[in-house]
Amino acid sequence: MERSAQIERRIVKIKQALADLGDMRPGSLSTQTRSWGGQYCQLSYTHLGKGRTEYVPQERLNTVRQQLANHNKFKDLVQEWVALAIEFCKLKATQDQRP
């Protein structure tokens, strides 16, 4: 019974962390080199089955990095939530089977 309560508390914390995340976007940043010289940053991602790339101006680089970090945190939190939900359902099933 105590493990169930721990799981429920952690899920509440995960939900709050998800609500607090802020702007996010998937993808990765890379530095590209122009054939005539110079470099620029490019964001690459896949959304709804379509690959996309976007030029990222230098002044937006920190913002985009934070959005990418938020998206990675989002994925980690959701993965943890699903794992805990599975464990919670299994615990409930075993408790329901007890006489």
N, C-alpha and C. Protein backbone atom coordinates (compact mmCIF):
# COMPACT_ATOMS: atom_id res chain seq x y z
N MET A 1 0.82 -1.19 0.00
CA MET A 1 0.00 0.00 0.00
C MET A 1 0.87 1.26 0.00
N GLU A 2 1.99 1.23 0.70
CA GLU A 2 2.87 2.39 0.77
C GLU A 2 3.45 2.73 -0.60
N ARG A 3 3.81 1.72 -1.39
CA ARG A 3 4.37 1.96 -2.72
C ARG A 3 3.33 2.66 -3.60
N SER A 4 2.09 2.28 -3.47
CA SER A 4 1.03 2.94 -4.25
C SER A 4 0.95 4.42 -3.92
N ALA A 5 1.05 4.75 -2.67
CA ALA A 5 1.02 6.15 -2.25
C ALA A 5 2.23 6.91 -2.78
N GLN A 6 3.40 6.26 -2.77
CA GLN A 6 4.61 6.89 -3.32
C GLN A 6 4.44 7.18 -4.80
N ILE A 7 3.89 6.22 -5.51
CA ILE A 7 3.68 6.39 -6.95
C ILE A 7 2.72 7.54 -7.20
N GLU A 8 1.62 7.58 -6.46
CA GLU A 8 0.65 8.65 -6.65
C GLU A 8 1.26 10.03 -6.38
N ARG A 9 2.08 10.13 -5.34
CA ARG A 9 2.74 11.40 -5.03
C ARG A 9 3.69 11.81 -6.15
N ARG A 10 4.44 10.85 -6.66
CA ARG A 10 5.40 11.17 -7.73
C ARG A 10 4.65 11.59 -9.00
N ILE A 11 3.54 10.95 -9.31
CA ILE A 11 2.76 11.32 -10.50
C ILE A 11 2.24 12.74 -10.37
N VAL A 12 1.81 13.13 -9.18
CA VAL A 12 1.36 14.51 -8.95
C VAL A 12 2.50 15.48 -9.22
N LYS A 13 3.71 15.14 -8.75
CA LYS A 13 4.87 16.01 -8.99
C LYS A 13 5.22 16.09 -10.47
N ILE A 14 5.10 14.98 -11.17
CA ILE A 14 5.38 14.96 -12.61
C ILE A 14 4.39 15.86 -13.34
N LYS A 15 3.11 15.75 -12.98
CA LYS A 15 2.09 16.59 -13.63
C LYS A 15 2.40 18.07 -13.41
N GLN A 16 2.83 18.42 -12.22
CA GLN A 16 3.17 19.82 -11.94
C GLN A 16 4.39 20.25 -12.74
N ALA A 17 5.39 19.38 -12.82
CA ALA A 17 6.59 19.70 -13.59
C ALA A 17 6.25 19.89 -15.07
N LEU A 18 5.34 19.08 -15.59
CA LEU A 18 4.91 19.22 -16.98
C LEU A 18 4.21 20.56 -17.19
N ALA A 19 3.37 20.95 -16.23
CA ALA A 19 2.65 22.21 -16.35
C ALA A 19 3.60 23.41 -16.30
N ASP A 20 4.74 23.26 -15.65
CA ASP A 20 5.70 24.35 -15.48
C ASP A 20 6.75 24.44 -16.58
N LEU A 21 6.73 23.54 -17.54
CA LEU A 21 7.81 23.45 -18.53
C LEU A 21 8.01 24.70 -19.38
N GLY A 22 6.98 25.28 -19.88
CA GLY A 22 7.15 26.42 -20.78
C GLY A 22 7.26 25.98 -22.23
N ASP A 23 7.73 26.88 -23.07
CA ASP A 23 7.82 26.60 -24.51
C ASP A 23 8.75 25.43 -24.78
N MET A 24 8.36 24.63 -25.77
CA MET A 24 9.22 23.50 -26.15
C MET A 24 9.06 23.22 -27.63
N ARG A 25 10.08 22.58 -28.14
CA ARG A 25 10.04 22.13 -29.52
C ARG A 25 10.99 20.95 -29.67
N PRO A 26 10.66 20.02 -30.57
CA PRO A 26 11.53 18.87 -30.80
C PRO A 26 12.68 19.25 -31.72
N GLY A 27 13.66 18.39 -31.78
CA GLY A 27 14.71 18.56 -32.77
C GLY A 27 16.10 18.63 -32.19
N SER A 28 17.01 18.97 -33.08
CA SER A 28 18.41 19.13 -32.68
C SER A 28 19.02 20.27 -33.50
N LEU A 29 19.99 20.90 -32.88
CA LEU A 29 20.70 22.00 -33.54
C LEU A 29 22.01 21.49 -34.13
N SER A 30 22.35 22.04 -35.26
CA SER A 30 23.66 21.73 -35.84
C SER A 30 24.21 23.00 -36.48
N THR A 31 25.52 23.02 -36.61
CA THR A 31 26.18 24.14 -37.27
C THR A 31 26.50 23.72 -38.69
N GLN A 32 26.06 24.53 -39.63
CA GLN A 32 26.27 24.26 -41.05
C GLN A 32 27.30 25.25 -41.59
N THR A 33 28.06 24.81 -42.57
CA THR A 33 29.06 25.65 -43.19
C THR A 33 28.62 25.98 -44.62
N ARG A 34 28.66 27.24 -44.93
CA ARG A 34 28.30 27.67 -46.28
C ARG A 34 29.46 27.38 -47.23
N SER A 35 29.13 27.13 -48.49
CA SER A 35 30.17 26.81 -49.48
C SER A 35 31.11 27.99 -49.71
N TRP A 36 30.61 29.21 -49.55
CA TRP A 36 31.44 30.39 -49.77
C TRP A 36 32.07 30.90 -48.47
N GLY A 37 31.87 30.15 -47.39
CA GLY A 37 32.46 30.52 -46.10
C GLY A 37 31.40 30.98 -45.12
N GLY A 38 31.73 30.92 -43.86
CA GLY A 38 30.79 31.31 -42.82
C GLY A 38 29.97 30.13 -42.33
N GLN A 39 29.37 30.31 -41.19
CA GLN A 39 28.57 29.24 -40.60
C GLN A 39 27.23 29.78 -40.13
N TYR A 40 26.28 28.88 -39.98
CA TYR A 40 24.97 29.23 -39.43
C TYR A 40 24.42 28.02 -38.69
N CYS A 41 23.44 28.24 -37.82
CA CYS A 41 22.83 27.16 -37.06
C CYS A 41 21.52 26.75 -37.72
N GLN A 42 21.27 25.47 -37.66
CA GLN A 42 20.08 24.91 -38.27
C GLN A 42 19.39 23.99 -37.28
N LEU A 43 18.08 24.10 -37.19
CA LEU A 43 17.26 23.21 -36.37
C LEU A 43 16.65 22.17 -37.28
N SER A 44 16.80 20.89 -36.92
CA SER A 44 16.21 19.79 -37.68
C SER A 44 15.28 19.01 -36.77
N TYR A 45 14.09 18.69 -37.30
CA TYR A 45 13.14 17.91 -36.52
C TYR A 45 12.15 17.21 -37.43
N THR A 46 11.44 16.25 -36.87
CA THR A 46 10.38 15.57 -37.57
C THR A 46 9.09 15.78 -36.79
N HIS A 47 8.05 16.19 -37.49
CA HIS A 47 6.75 16.40 -36.86
C HIS A 47 5.67 15.90 -37.81
N LEU A 48 4.78 15.06 -37.28
CA LEU A 48 3.70 14.47 -38.07
C LEU A 48 4.24 13.74 -39.30
N GLY A 49 5.37 13.08 -39.10
CA GLY A 49 5.95 12.26 -40.16
C GLY A 49 6.72 13.03 -41.21
N LYS A 50 6.84 14.34 -41.06
CA LYS A 50 7.57 15.12 -42.05
C LYS A 50 8.81 15.73 -41.44
N GLY A 51 9.94 15.54 -42.11
CA GLY A 51 11.19 16.14 -41.67
C GLY A 51 11.24 17.60 -42.06
N ARG A 52 11.79 18.41 -41.18
CA ARG A 52 11.86 19.84 -41.43
C ARG A 52 13.20 20.38 -40.95
N THR A 53 13.62 21.44 -41.55
CA THR A 53 14.80 22.17 -41.08
C THR A 53 14.48 23.65 -41.08
N GLU A 54 15.06 24.35 -40.13
CA GLU A 54 14.85 25.79 -40.02
C GLU A 54 16.17 26.47 -39.70
N TYR A 55 16.37 27.59 -40.30
CA TYR A 55 17.51 28.45 -39.97
C TYR A 55 17.24 29.08 -38.61
N VAL A 56 18.26 29.13 -37.76
CA VAL A 56 18.12 29.75 -36.44
C VAL A 56 19.09 30.92 -36.35
N PRO A 57 18.56 32.14 -36.29
CA PRO A 57 19.44 33.30 -36.16
C PRO A 57 20.20 33.26 -34.84
N GLN A 58 21.37 33.83 -34.83
CA GLN A 58 22.24 33.83 -33.65
C GLN A 58 21.52 34.37 -32.41
N GLU A 59 20.71 35.41 -32.58
CA GLU A 59 20.04 36.02 -31.44
C GLU A 59 18.93 35.14 -30.85
N ARG A 60 18.49 34.13 -31.56
CA ARG A 60 17.46 33.21 -31.05
C ARG A 60 18.04 31.89 -30.56
N LEU A 61 19.33 31.72 -30.67
CA LEU A 61 19.98 30.45 -30.35
C LEU A 61 19.71 30.00 -28.92
N ASN A 62 19.87 30.88 -27.94
CA ASN A 62 19.64 30.49 -26.54
C ASN A 62 18.19 30.11 -26.29
N THR A 63 17.26 30.83 -26.91
CA THR A 63 15.84 30.51 -26.76
C THR A 63 15.53 29.13 -27.32
N VAL A 64 16.05 28.85 -28.50
CA VAL A 64 15.80 27.55 -29.13
C VAL A 64 16.45 26.42 -28.30
N ARG A 65 17.63 26.67 -27.78
CA ARG A 65 18.27 25.66 -26.93
C ARG A 65 17.40 25.34 -25.71
N GLN A 66 16.82 26.37 -25.09
CA GLN A 66 15.94 26.16 -23.93
C GLN A 66 14.68 25.39 -24.34
N GLN A 67 14.12 25.71 -25.49
CA GLN A 67 12.94 24.99 -25.98
C GLN A 67 13.26 23.52 -26.23
N LEU A 68 14.43 23.24 -26.78
CA LEU A 68 14.85 21.85 -27.00
C LEU A 68 15.04 21.12 -25.67
N ALA A 69 15.65 21.80 -24.70
CA ALA A 69 15.85 21.20 -23.38
C ALA A 69 14.51 20.91 -22.72
N ASN A 70 13.56 21.83 -22.87
CA ASN A 70 12.22 21.61 -22.31
C ASN A 70 11.54 20.41 -22.95
N HIS A 71 11.72 20.25 -24.25
CA HIS A 71 11.12 19.11 -24.93
C HIS A 71 11.73 17.79 -24.45
N ASN A 72 13.04 17.78 -24.26
CA ASN A 72 13.69 16.57 -23.75
C ASN A 72 13.21 16.25 -22.33
N LYS A 73 13.05 17.28 -21.51
CA LYS A 73 12.53 17.09 -20.16
C LYS A 73 11.10 16.56 -20.22
N PHE A 74 10.30 17.09 -21.13
CA PHE A 74 8.94 16.63 -21.34
C PHE A 74 8.92 15.12 -21.64
N LYS A 75 9.75 14.71 -22.59
CA LYS A 75 9.79 13.29 -22.96
C LYS A 75 10.19 12.43 -21.77
N ASP A 76 11.19 12.86 -20.99
CA ASP A 76 11.63 12.11 -19.82
C ASP A 76 10.53 11.99 -18.78
N LEU A 77 9.84 13.10 -18.52
CA LEU A 77 8.77 13.09 -17.52
C LEU A 77 7.61 12.19 -17.95
N VAL A 78 7.23 12.26 -19.22
CA VAL A 78 6.14 11.42 -19.70
C VAL A 78 6.52 9.94 -19.63
N GLN A 79 7.76 9.63 -19.98
CA GLN A 79 8.22 8.25 -19.91
C GLN A 79 8.17 7.74 -18.46
N GLU A 80 8.60 8.57 -17.53
CA GLU A 80 8.55 8.18 -16.11
C GLU A 80 7.11 8.00 -15.66
N TRP A 81 6.22 8.90 -16.07
CA TRP A 81 4.81 8.82 -15.70
C TRP A 81 4.19 7.52 -16.20
N VAL A 82 4.47 7.16 -17.45
CA VAL A 82 3.92 5.91 -18.01
C VAL A 82 4.45 4.70 -17.24
N ALA A 83 5.74 4.69 -16.93
CA ALA A 83 6.32 3.57 -16.19
C ALA A 83 5.66 3.46 -14.81
N LEU A 84 5.46 4.58 -14.14
CA LEU A 84 4.81 4.57 -12.83
C LEU A 84 3.35 4.14 -12.94
N ALA A 85 2.67 4.58 -13.98
CA ALA A 85 1.27 4.21 -14.18
C ALA A 85 1.14 2.69 -14.39
N ILE A 86 2.05 2.12 -15.13
CA ILE A 86 2.05 0.66 -15.34
C ILE A 86 2.25 -0.05 -14.01
N GLU A 87 3.25 0.40 -13.25
CA GLU A 87 3.52 -0.22 -11.94
C GLU A 87 2.31 -0.06 -11.02
N PHE A 88 1.69 1.11 -11.03
CA PHE A 88 0.53 1.38 -10.18
C PHE A 88 -0.63 0.45 -10.55
N CYS A 89 -0.89 0.28 -11.83
CA CYS A 89 -1.97 -0.61 -12.28
C CYS A 89 -1.70 -2.06 -11.86
N LYS A 90 -0.46 -2.49 -11.94
CA LYS A 90 -0.11 -3.86 -11.52
C LYS A 90 -0.32 -4.02 -10.02
N LEU A 91 0.08 -3.01 -9.24
CA LEU A 91 -0.13 -3.07 -7.79
C LEU A 91 -1.61 -3.14 -7.45
N LYS A 92 -2.42 -2.35 -8.12
CA LYS A 92 -3.86 -2.35 -7.87
C LYS A 92 -4.46 -3.70 -8.23
N ALA A 93 -3.99 -4.29 -9.32
CA ALA A 93 -4.51 -5.59 -9.74
C ALA A 93 -4.21 -6.67 -8.70
N THR A 94 -3.01 -6.64 -8.16
CA THR A 94 -2.67 -7.65 -7.15
C THR A 94 -3.43 -7.41 -5.86
N GLN A 95 -3.69 -6.15 -5.51
CA GLN A 95 -4.46 -5.84 -4.31
C GLN A 95 -5.92 -6.23 -4.49
N ASP A 96 -6.46 -6.08 -5.69
CA ASP A 96 -7.85 -6.43 -5.96
C ASP A 96 -8.07 -7.93 -5.90
N GLN A 97 -7.02 -8.71 -6.15
CA GLN A 97 -7.14 -10.17 -6.16
C GLN A 97 -7.09 -10.76 -4.77
N ARG A 98 -6.62 -9.98 -3.80
CA ARG A 98 -6.54 -10.48 -2.44
C ARG A 98 -7.93 -10.59 -1.82
N PRO A 99 -8.13 -11.66 -1.04
CA PRO A 99 -9.46 -11.84 -0.42
C PRO A 99 -9.69 -10.87 0.72
